[in-house]
Amino acid sequence: MGIIPPGLQYHASVDEVSAVFEMPLEEALRLSRYHPLDIQRRGHDHRVWLSWYQHYFVWGMTAGIIRELALQIGLKP
Protein backbone atom coordinates (compact mmCIF):
# COMPACT_ATOMS: atom_id res chain seq x y z
CA MET A 1 0.00 0.00 0.00
CA GLY A 2 1.42 3.36 -0.93
CA ILE A 3 1.23 6.53 -2.95
CA ILE A 4 3.26 6.21 -6.11
CA PRO A 5 4.15 9.38 -8.01
CA PRO A 6 3.22 9.40 -11.71
CA GLY A 7 5.99 8.09 -13.92
CA LEU A 8 7.86 6.24 -11.17
CA GLN A 9 9.25 2.99 -12.49
CA TYR A 10 9.00 0.03 -10.13
CA HIS A 11 9.00 -3.72 -10.48
CA ALA A 12 7.05 -6.03 -8.20
CA SER A 13 8.87 -9.17 -7.15
CA VAL A 14 7.16 -12.22 -8.60
CA ASP A 15 8.37 -14.06 -5.48
CA GLU A 16 6.38 -11.67 -3.25
CA VAL A 17 3.13 -10.76 -5.03
CA SER A 18 0.79 -12.33 -7.54
CA ALA A 19 -0.63 -9.02 -8.83
CA VAL A 20 -0.35 -5.26 -8.40
CA PHE A 21 -3.60 -3.29 -8.53
CA GLU A 22 -5.05 0.02 -7.42
CA MET A 23 -7.89 0.43 -4.94
CA PRO A 24 -9.26 3.81 -3.89
CA LEU A 25 -8.11 4.67 -0.35
CA GLU A 26 -11.69 5.27 0.79
CA GLU A 27 -12.56 1.74 -0.32
CA ALA A 28 -9.43 0.18 1.22
CA LEU A 29 -10.18 1.78 4.60
CA ARG A 30 -13.84 0.69 4.71
CA LEU A 31 -13.78 -1.71 7.66
CA SER A 32 -16.94 -3.53 6.60
CA ARG A 33 -15.05 -5.00 3.65
CA TYR A 34 -12.85 -7.14 5.94
CA HIS A 35 -14.16 -10.49 7.17
CA PRO A 36 -12.50 -12.62 9.87
CA LEU A 37 -11.56 -16.24 9.44
CA ASP A 38 -10.42 -18.03 12.59
CA ILE A 39 -7.93 -20.81 11.94
CA GLN A 40 -5.74 -23.10 13.99
CA ARG A 41 -2.12 -23.59 13.03
CA ARG A 42 0.35 -25.69 14.97
CA GLY A 43 -2.03 -25.78 17.90
CA HIS A 44 -2.51 -21.99 18.08
CA ASP A 45 -5.60 -19.98 17.20
CA HIS A 46 -5.15 -17.19 14.65
CA ARG A 47 -7.52 -14.70 13.10
CA VAL A 48 -6.95 -14.01 9.41
CA TRP A 49 -8.71 -11.16 7.58
CA LEU A 50 -10.20 -11.60 4.11
CA SER A 51 -11.45 -9.07 1.58
CA TRP A 52 -12.30 -8.85 -2.10
CA TYR A 53 -11.95 -5.93 -4.48
CA GLN A 54 -13.17 -6.35 -8.04
CA HIS A 55 -11.70 -9.75 -8.96
CA TYR A 56 -8.83 -9.54 -6.46
CA PHE A 57 -8.69 -11.50 -3.22
CA VAL A 58 -6.86 -9.65 -0.44
CA TRP A 59 -6.11 -11.69 2.66
CA GLY A 60 -3.75 -12.51 5.47
CA MET A 61 -1.10 -10.01 6.45
CA THR A 62 -1.96 -7.60 3.64
CA ALA A 63 -5.63 -7.38 4.63
CA GLY A 64 -4.67 -7.23 8.31
CA ILE A 65 -2.25 -4.32 7.78
CA ILE A 66 -4.78 -2.27 5.81
CA ARG A 67 -7.54 -2.99 8.33
CA GLU A 68 -5.26 -2.05 11.22
CA LEU A 69 -4.39 1.23 9.46
CA ALA A 70 -8.10 2.06 9.28
CA LEU A 71 -8.44 1.34 13.00
CA GLN A 72 -5.34 3.39 13.86
CA ILE A 73 -6.68 6.49 12.10
CA GLY A 74 -9.85 6.16 14.13
CA LEU A 75 -12.37 4.57 11.80
CA LYS A 76 -15.03 2.54 13.60
CA PRO A 77 -16.07 -1.01 12.63
PDB file of N, CA and C in Angstrom:
ATOM      1  N   MET A   1       0.854  -1.159   0.000  1.00  0.00           N
ATOM      2  CA  MET A   1       0.000   0.000   0.000  1.00  0.00           C
ATOM      3  C   MET A   1       0.893   1.212   0.000  1.00  0.00           C
ATOM      4  N   GLY A   2       0.601   2.158  -0.875  1.00  0.00           N
ATOM      5  CA  GLY A   2       1.420   3.356  -0.926  1.00  0.00           C
ATOM      6  C   GLY A   2       0.913   4.326  -1.961  1.00  0.00           C
ATOM      7  N   ILE A   3       1.516   5.496  -1.939  1.00  0.00           N
ATOM      8  CA  ILE A   3       1.225   6.526  -2.947  1.00  0.00           C
ATOM      9  C   ILE A   3       2.424   6.552  -3.871  1.00  0.00           C
ATOM     10  N   ILE A   4       2.185   6.293  -5.129  1.00  0.00           N
ATOM     11  CA  ILE A   4       3.261   6.209  -6.110  1.00  0.00           C
ATOM     12  C   ILE A   4       3.147   7.399  -7.053  1.00  0.00           C
ATOM     13  N   PRO A   5       4.198   8.223  -7.120  1.00  0.00           N
ATOM     14  CA  PRO A   5       4.149   9.380  -8.014  1.00  0.00           C
ATOM     15  C   PRO A   5       4.026   8.936  -9.478  1.00  0.00           C
ATOM     16  N   PRO A   6       3.332   9.735 -10.292  1.00  0.00           N
ATOM     17  CA  PRO A   6       3.218   9.403 -11.714  1.00  0.00           C
ATOM     18  C   PRO A   6       4.607   9.271 -12.349  1.00  0.00           C
ATOM     19  N   GLY A   7       4.748   8.280 -13.188  1.00  0.00           N
ATOM     20  CA  GLY A   7       5.993   8.088 -13.916  1.00  0.00           C
ATOM     21  C   GLY A   7       7.067   7.312 -13.184  1.00  0.00           C
ATOM     22  N   LEU A   8       6.861   6.997 -11.919  1.00  0.00           N
ATOM     23  CA  LEU A   8       7.857   6.242 -11.165  1.00  0.00           C
ATOM     24  C   LEU A   8       7.906   4.818 -11.701  1.00  0.00           C
ATOM     25  N   GLN A   9       9.077   4.356 -12.012  1.00  0.00           N
ATOM     26  CA  GLN A   9       9.249   2.992 -12.495  1.00  0.00           C
ATOM     27  C   GLN A   9       9.518   2.064 -11.310  1.00  0.00           C
ATOM     28  N   TYR A  10       8.774   1.020 -11.172  1.00  0.00           N
ATOM     29  CA  TYR A  10       8.997   0.034 -10.131  1.00  0.00           C
ATOM     30  C   TYR A  10       8.691  -1.338 -10.696  1.00  0.00           C
ATOM     31  N   HIS A  11       9.210  -2.350 -10.041  1.00  0.00           N
ATOM     32  CA  HIS A  11       8.997  -3.723 -10.482  1.00  0.00           C
ATOM     33  C   HIS A  11       8.640  -4.567  -9.269  1.00  0.00           C
ATOM     34  N   ALA A  12       7.480  -5.148  -9.286  1.00  0.00           N
ATOM     35  CA  ALA A  12       7.053  -6.027  -8.197  1.00  0.00           C
ATOM     36  C   ALA A  12       7.798  -7.346  -8.301  1.00  0.00           C
ATOM     37  N   SER A  13       8.195  -7.887  -7.184  1.00  0.00           N
ATOM     38  CA  SER A  13       8.873  -9.169  -7.149  1.00  0.00           C
ATOM     39  C   SER A  13       7.857 -10.284  -7.361  1.00  0.00           C
ATOM     40  N   VAL A  14       8.070 -11.109  -8.351  1.00  0.00           N
ATOM     41  CA  VAL A  14       7.158 -12.224  -8.596  1.00  0.00           C
ATOM     42  C   VAL A  14       7.212 -13.241  -7.455  1.00  0.00           C
ATOM     43  N   ASP A  15       8.266 -13.183  -6.645  1.00  0.00           N
ATOM     44  CA  ASP A  15       8.372 -14.059  -5.479  1.00  0.00           C
ATOM     45  C   ASP A  15       7.539 -13.552  -4.307  1.00  0.00           C
ATOM     46  N   GLU A  16       7.081 -12.289  -4.367  1.00  0.00           N
ATOM     47  CA  GLU A  16       6.376 -11.672  -3.250  1.00  0.00           C
ATOM     48  C   GLU A  16       4.887 -11.440  -3.513  1.00  0.00           C
ATOM     49  N   VAL A  17       4.516 -11.128  -4.730  1.00  0.00           N
ATOM     50  CA  VAL A  17       3.129 -10.765  -5.033  1.00  0.00           C
ATOM     51  C   VAL A  17       2.649 -11.464  -6.288  1.00  0.00           C
ATOM     52  N   SER A  18       1.349 -11.714  -6.345  1.00  0.00           N
ATOM     53  CA  SER A  18       0.786 -12.333  -7.544  1.00  0.00           C
ATOM     54  C   SER A  18       0.222 -11.287  -8.503  1.00  0.00           C
ATOM     55  N   ALA A  19      -0.092 -10.075  -7.980  1.00  0.00           N
ATOM     56  CA  ALA A  19      -0.629  -9.015  -8.832  1.00  0.00           C
ATOM     57  C   ALA A  19      -0.450  -7.675  -8.123  1.00  0.00           C
ATOM     58  N   VAL A  20      -0.371  -6.631  -8.910  1.00  0.00           N
ATOM     59  CA  VAL A  20      -0.353  -5.264  -8.401  1.00  0.00           C
ATOM     60  C   VAL A  20      -1.598  -4.592  -8.955  1.00  0.00           C
ATOM     61  N   PHE A  21      -2.379  -3.957  -8.080  1.00  0.00           N
ATOM     62  CA  PHE A  21      -3.597  -3.288  -8.532  1.00  0.00           C
ATOM     63  C   PHE A  21      -3.841  -2.063  -7.675  1.00  0.00           C
ATOM     64  N   GLU A  22      -4.705  -1.192  -8.152  1.00  0.00           N
ATOM     65  CA  GLU A  22      -5.055   0.016  -7.421  1.00  0.00           C
ATOM     66  C   GLU A  22      -6.457  -0.108  -6.841  1.00  0.00           C
ATOM     67  N   MET A  23      -6.594   0.380  -5.605  1.00  0.00           N
ATOM     68  CA  MET A  23      -7.887   0.427  -4.940  1.00  0.00           C
ATOM     69  C   MET A  23      -7.998   1.822  -4.334  1.00  0.00           C
ATOM     70  N   PRO A  24      -9.119   2.502  -4.514  1.00  0.00           N
ATOM     71  CA  PRO A  24      -9.261   3.814  -3.888  1.00  0.00           C
ATOM     72  C   PRO A  24      -9.075   3.714  -2.372  1.00  0.00           C
ATOM     73  N   LEU A  25      -8.381   4.696  -1.779  1.00  0.00           N
ATOM     74  CA  LEU A  25      -8.111   4.673  -0.353  1.00  0.00           C
ATOM     75  C   LEU A  25      -9.395   4.578   0.463  1.00  0.00           C
ATOM     76  N   GLU A  26     -10.416   5.316   0.069  1.00  0.00           N
ATOM     77  CA  GLU A  26     -11.693   5.274   0.787  1.00  0.00           C
ATOM     78  C   GLU A  26     -12.241   3.849   0.832  1.00  0.00           C
ATOM     79  N   GLU A  27     -12.078   3.130  -0.252  1.00  0.00           N
ATOM     80  CA  GLU A  27     -12.556   1.741  -0.318  1.00  0.00           C
ATOM     81  C   GLU A  27     -11.668   0.825   0.532  1.00  0.00           C
ATOM     82  N   ALA A  28     -10.358   1.022   0.459  1.00  0.00           N
ATOM     83  CA  ALA A  28      -9.428   0.179   1.223  1.00  0.00           C
ATOM     84  C   ALA A  28      -9.646   0.324   2.725  1.00  0.00           C
ATOM     85  N   LEU A  29     -10.031   1.516   3.172  1.00  0.00           N
ATOM     86  CA  LEU A  29     -10.183   1.776   4.602  1.00  0.00           C
ATOM     87  C   LEU A  29     -11.585   1.488   5.125  1.00  0.00           C
ATOM     88  N   ARG A  30     -12.478   1.018   4.279  1.00  0.00           N
ATOM     89  CA  ARG A  30     -13.844   0.687   4.713  1.00  0.00           C
ATOM     90  C   ARG A  30     -13.797  -0.632   5.490  1.00  0.00           C
ATOM     91  N   LEU A  31     -13.943  -0.543   6.791  1.00  0.00           N
ATOM     92  CA  LEU A  31     -13.780  -1.715   7.657  1.00  0.00           C
ATOM     93  C   LEU A  31     -14.769  -2.835   7.364  1.00  0.00           C
ATOM     94  N   SER A  32     -15.937  -2.496   6.872  1.00  0.00           N
ATOM     95  CA  SER A  32     -16.943  -3.529   6.604  1.00  0.00           C
ATOM     96  C   SER A  32     -16.530  -4.470   5.471  1.00  0.00           C
ATOM     97  N   ARG A  33     -15.496  -4.130   4.742  1.00  0.00           N
ATOM     98  CA  ARG A  33     -15.051  -5.000   3.653  1.00  0.00           C
ATOM     99  C   ARG A  33     -14.199  -6.167   4.152  1.00  0.00           C
ATOM    100  N   TYR A  34     -13.726  -6.106   5.408  1.00  0.00           N
ATOM    101  CA  TYR A  34     -12.845  -7.142   5.945  1.00  0.00           C
ATOM    102  C   TYR A  34     -13.638  -8.142   6.784  1.00  0.00           C
ATOM    103  N   HIS A  35     -13.419  -9.415   6.511  1.00  0.00           N
ATOM    104  CA  HIS A  35     -14.157 -10.494   7.167  1.00  0.00           C
ATOM    105  C   HIS A  35     -13.161 -11.413   7.872  1.00  0.00           C
ATOM    106  N   PRO A  36     -13.439 -11.763   9.137  1.00  0.00           N
ATOM    107  CA  PRO A  36     -12.502 -12.621   9.868  1.00  0.00           C
ATOM    108  C   PRO A  36     -12.665 -14.095   9.507  1.00  0.00           C
ATOM    109  N   LEU A  37     -11.561 -14.788   9.553  1.00  0.00           N
ATOM    110  CA  LEU A  37     -11.556 -16.236   9.439  1.00  0.00           C
ATOM    111  C   LEU A  37     -10.645 -16.738  10.552  1.00  0.00           C
ATOM    112  N   ASP A  38     -11.197 -17.490  11.485  1.00  0.00           N
ATOM    113  CA  ASP A  38     -10.420 -18.032  12.587  1.00  0.00           C
ATOM    114  C   ASP A  38      -9.891 -19.402  12.201  1.00  0.00           C
ATOM    115  N   ILE A  39      -8.577 -19.553  12.310  1.00  0.00           N
ATOM    116  CA  ILE A  39      -7.932 -20.812  11.938  1.00  0.00           C
ATOM    117  C   ILE A  39      -7.056 -21.280  13.090  1.00  0.00           C
ATOM    118  N   GLN A  40      -6.678 -22.544  13.025  1.00  0.00           N
ATOM    119  CA  GLN A  40      -5.743 -23.098  13.992  1.00  0.00           C
ATOM    120  C   GLN A  40      -4.529 -23.586  13.223  1.00  0.00           C
ATOM    121  N   ARG A  41      -3.350 -23.178  13.693  1.00  0.00           N
ATOM    122  CA  ARG A  41      -2.115 -23.594  13.034  1.00  0.00           C
ATOM    123  C   ARG A  41      -1.110 -23.975  14.106  1.00  0.00           C
ATOM    124  N   ARG A  42      -0.618 -25.180  14.003  1.00  0.00           N
ATOM    125  CA  ARG A  42       0.353 -25.694  14.972  1.00  0.00           C
ATOM    126  C   ARG A  42      -0.148 -25.547  16.402  1.00  0.00           C
ATOM    127  N   GLY A  43      -1.443 -25.804  16.584  1.00  0.00           N
ATOM    128  CA  GLY A  43      -2.034 -25.780  17.905  1.00  0.00           C
ATOM    129  C   GLY A  43      -2.371 -24.400  18.453  1.00  0.00           C
ATOM    130  N   HIS A  44      -2.226 -23.358  17.641  1.00  0.00           N
ATOM    131  CA  HIS A  44      -2.513 -21.991  18.084  1.00  0.00           C
ATOM    132  C   HIS A  44      -3.641 -21.403  17.242  1.00  0.00           C
ATOM    133  N   ASP A  45      -4.514 -20.666  17.906  1.00  0.00           N
ATOM    134  CA  ASP A  45      -5.600 -19.983  17.201  1.00  0.00           C
ATOM    135  C   ASP A  45      -5.086 -18.686  16.585  1.00  0.00           C
ATOM    136  N   HIS A  46      -5.520 -18.415  15.362  1.00  0.00           N
ATOM    137  CA  HIS A  46      -5.145 -17.193  14.647  1.00  0.00           C
ATOM    138  C   HIS A  46      -6.375 -16.640  13.944  1.00  0.00           C
ATOM    139  N   ARG A  47      -6.479 -15.342  13.890  1.00  0.00           N
ATOM    140  CA  ARG A  47      -7.525 -14.698  13.098  1.00  0.00           C
ATOM    141  C   ARG A  47      -6.871 -14.132  11.844  1.00  0.00           C
ATOM    142  N   VAL A  48      -7.419 -14.490  10.702  1.00  0.00           N
ATOM    143  CA  VAL A  48      -6.949 -14.012   9.408  1.00  0.00           C
ATOM    144  C   VAL A  48      -8.066 -13.161   8.816  1.00  0.00           C
ATOM    145  N   TRP A  49      -7.705 -12.035   8.191  1.00  0.00           N
ATOM    146  CA  TRP A  49      -8.707 -11.158   7.580  1.00  0.00           C
ATOM    147  C   TRP A  49      -8.751 -11.376   6.080  1.00  0.00           C
ATOM    148  N   LEU A  50      -9.964 -11.361   5.536  1.00  0.00           N
ATOM    149  CA  LEU A  50     -10.203 -11.596   4.114  1.00  0.00           C
ATOM    150  C   LEU A  50     -10.984 -10.433   3.526  1.00  0.00           C
ATOM    151  N   SER A  51     -10.713 -10.124   2.274  1.00  0.00           N
ATOM    152  CA  SER A  51     -11.446  -9.072   1.584  1.00  0.00           C
ATOM    153  C   SER A  51     -11.366  -9.323   0.080  1.00  0.00           C
ATOM    154  N   TRP A  52     -12.294  -8.765  -0.643  1.00  0.00           N
ATOM    155  CA  TRP A  52     -12.302  -8.854  -2.098  1.00  0.00           C
ATOM    156  C   TRP A  52     -12.449  -7.450  -2.653  1.00  0.00           C
ATOM    157  N   TYR A  53     -11.779  -7.193  -3.755  1.00  0.00           N
ATOM    158  CA  TYR A  53     -11.951  -5.930  -4.478  1.00  0.00           C
ATOM    159  C   TYR A  53     -11.920  -6.277  -5.960  1.00  0.00           C
ATOM    160  N   GLN A  54     -13.014  -5.941  -6.642  1.00  0.00           N
ATOM    161  CA  GLN A  54     -13.175  -6.348  -8.037  1.00  0.00           C
ATOM    162  C   GLN A  54     -12.924  -7.850  -8.119  1.00  0.00           C
ATOM    163  N   HIS A  55     -11.961  -8.306  -8.893  1.00  0.00           N
ATOM    164  CA  HIS A  55     -11.704  -9.751  -8.955  1.00  0.00           C
ATOM    165  C   HIS A  55     -10.452 -10.152  -8.164  1.00  0.00           C
ATOM    166  N   TYR A  56     -10.014  -9.266  -7.269  1.00  0.00           N
ATOM    167  CA  TYR A  56      -8.828  -9.544  -6.455  1.00  0.00           C
ATOM    168  C   TYR A  56      -9.222 -10.013  -5.058  1.00  0.00           C
ATOM    169  N   PHE A  57      -8.502 -10.973  -4.565  1.00  0.00           N
ATOM    170  CA  PHE A  57      -8.692 -11.504  -3.219  1.00  0.00           C
ATOM    171  C   PHE A  57      -7.537 -10.986  -2.371  1.00  0.00           C
ATOM    172  N   VAL A  58      -7.853 -10.221  -1.337  1.00  0.00           N
ATOM    173  CA  VAL A  58      -6.855  -9.649  -0.437  1.00  0.00           C
ATOM    174  C   VAL A  58      -7.030 -10.355   0.899  1.00  0.00           C
ATOM    175  N   TRP A  59      -5.957 -10.905   1.451  1.00  0.00           N
ATOM    176  CA  TRP A  59      -6.113 -11.695   2.659  1.00  0.00           C
ATOM    177  C   TRP A  59      -4.830 -11.686   3.479  1.00  0.00           C
ATOM    178  N   GLY A  60      -4.915 -12.307   4.632  1.00  0.00           N
ATOM    179  CA  GLY A  60      -3.747 -12.508   5.469  1.00  0.00           C
ATOM    180  C   GLY A  60      -3.134 -11.222   5.963  1.00  0.00           C
ATOM    181  N   MET A  61      -1.812 -11.161   5.927  1.00  0.00           N
ATOM    182  CA  MET A  61      -1.097 -10.013   6.449  1.00  0.00           C
ATOM    183  C   MET A  61      -1.460  -8.725   5.709  1.00  0.00           C
ATOM    184  N   THR A  62      -1.622  -8.797   4.408  1.00  0.00           N
ATOM    185  CA  THR A  62      -1.965  -7.596   3.637  1.00  0.00           C
ATOM    186  C   THR A  62      -3.289  -7.016   4.104  1.00  0.00           C
ATOM    187  N   ALA A  63      -4.319  -7.848   4.174  1.00  0.00           N
ATOM    188  CA  ALA A  63      -5.629  -7.375   4.633  1.00  0.00           C
ATOM    189  C   ALA A  63      -5.549  -6.899   6.079  1.00  0.00           C
ATOM    190  N   GLY A  64      -4.805  -7.602   6.913  1.00  0.00           N
ATOM    191  CA  GLY A  64      -4.668  -7.227   8.309  1.00  0.00           C
ATOM    192  C   GLY A  64      -3.991  -5.876   8.489  1.00  0.00           C
ATOM    193  N   ILE A  65      -2.961  -5.600   7.700  1.00  0.00           N
ATOM    194  CA  ILE A  65      -2.252  -4.324   7.783  1.00  0.00           C
ATOM    195  C   ILE A  65      -3.160  -3.179   7.369  1.00  0.00           C
ATOM    196  N   ILE A  66      -3.892  -3.338   6.274  1.00  0.00           N
ATOM    197  CA  ILE A  66      -4.779  -2.270   5.810  1.00  0.00           C
ATOM    198  C   ILE A  66      -5.903  -2.048   6.810  1.00  0.00           C
ATOM    199  N   ARG A  67      -6.466  -3.117   7.337  1.00  0.00           N
ATOM    200  CA  ARG A  67      -7.536  -2.990   8.332  1.00  0.00           C
ATOM    201  C   ARG A  67      -7.025  -2.298   9.585  1.00  0.00           C
ATOM    202  N   GLU A  68      -5.846  -2.671  10.031  1.00  0.00           N
ATOM    203  CA  GLU A  68      -5.259  -2.050  11.222  1.00  0.00           C
ATOM    204  C   GLU A  68      -4.993  -0.565  10.990  1.00  0.00           C
ATOM    205  N   LEU A  69      -4.571  -0.188   9.790  1.00  0.00           N
ATOM    206  CA  LEU A  69      -4.385   1.231   9.460  1.00  0.00           C
ATOM    207  C   LEU A  69      -5.693   1.983   9.633  1.00  0.00           C
ATOM    208  N   ALA A  70      -6.781   1.423   9.129  1.00  0.00           N
ATOM    209  CA  ALA A  70      -8.101   2.061   9.283  1.00  0.00           C
ATOM    210  C   ALA A  70      -8.450   2.250  10.755  1.00  0.00           C
ATOM    211  N   LEU A  71      -8.166   1.245  11.567  1.00  0.00           N
ATOM    212  CA  LEU A  71      -8.436   1.339  13.002  1.00  0.00           C
ATOM    213  C   LEU A  71      -7.546   2.386  13.664  1.00  0.00           C
ATOM    214  N   GLN A  72      -6.286   2.452  13.266  1.00  0.00           N
ATOM    215  CA  GLN A  72      -5.336   3.389  13.855  1.00  0.00           C
ATOM    216  C   GLN A  72      -5.693   4.840  13.558  1.00  0.00           C
ATOM    217  N   ILE A  73      -6.294   5.097  12.406  1.00  0.00           N
ATOM    218  CA  ILE A  73      -6.680   6.487  12.100  1.00  0.00           C
ATOM    219  C   ILE A  73      -8.052   6.816  12.649  1.00  0.00           C
ATOM    220  N   GLY A  74      -8.642   5.872  13.382  1.00  0.00           N
ATOM    221  CA  GLY A  74      -9.849   6.165  14.130  1.00  0.00           C
ATOM    222  C   GLY A  74     -11.162   5.788  13.483  1.00  0.00           C
ATOM    223  N   LEU A  75     -11.117   5.009  12.401  1.00  0.00           N
ATOM    224  CA  LEU A  75     -12.369   4.566  11.805  1.00  0.00           C
ATOM    225  C   LEU A  75     -13.002   3.515  12.710  1.00  0.00           C
ATOM    226  N   LYS A  76     -14.299   3.471  12.738  1.00  0.00           N
ATOM    227  CA  LYS A  76     -15.034   2.539  13.600  1.00  0.00           C
ATOM    228  C   LYS A  76     -15.583   1.386  12.774  1.00  0.00           C
ATOM    229  N   PRO A  77     -15.512   0.150  13.356  1.00  0.00           N
ATOM    230  CA  PRO A  77     -16.071  -1.010  12.634  1.00  0.00           C
ATOM    231  C   PRO A  77     -17.580  -0.903  12.450  1.00  0.00           C
TER     232      PRO A  77
END
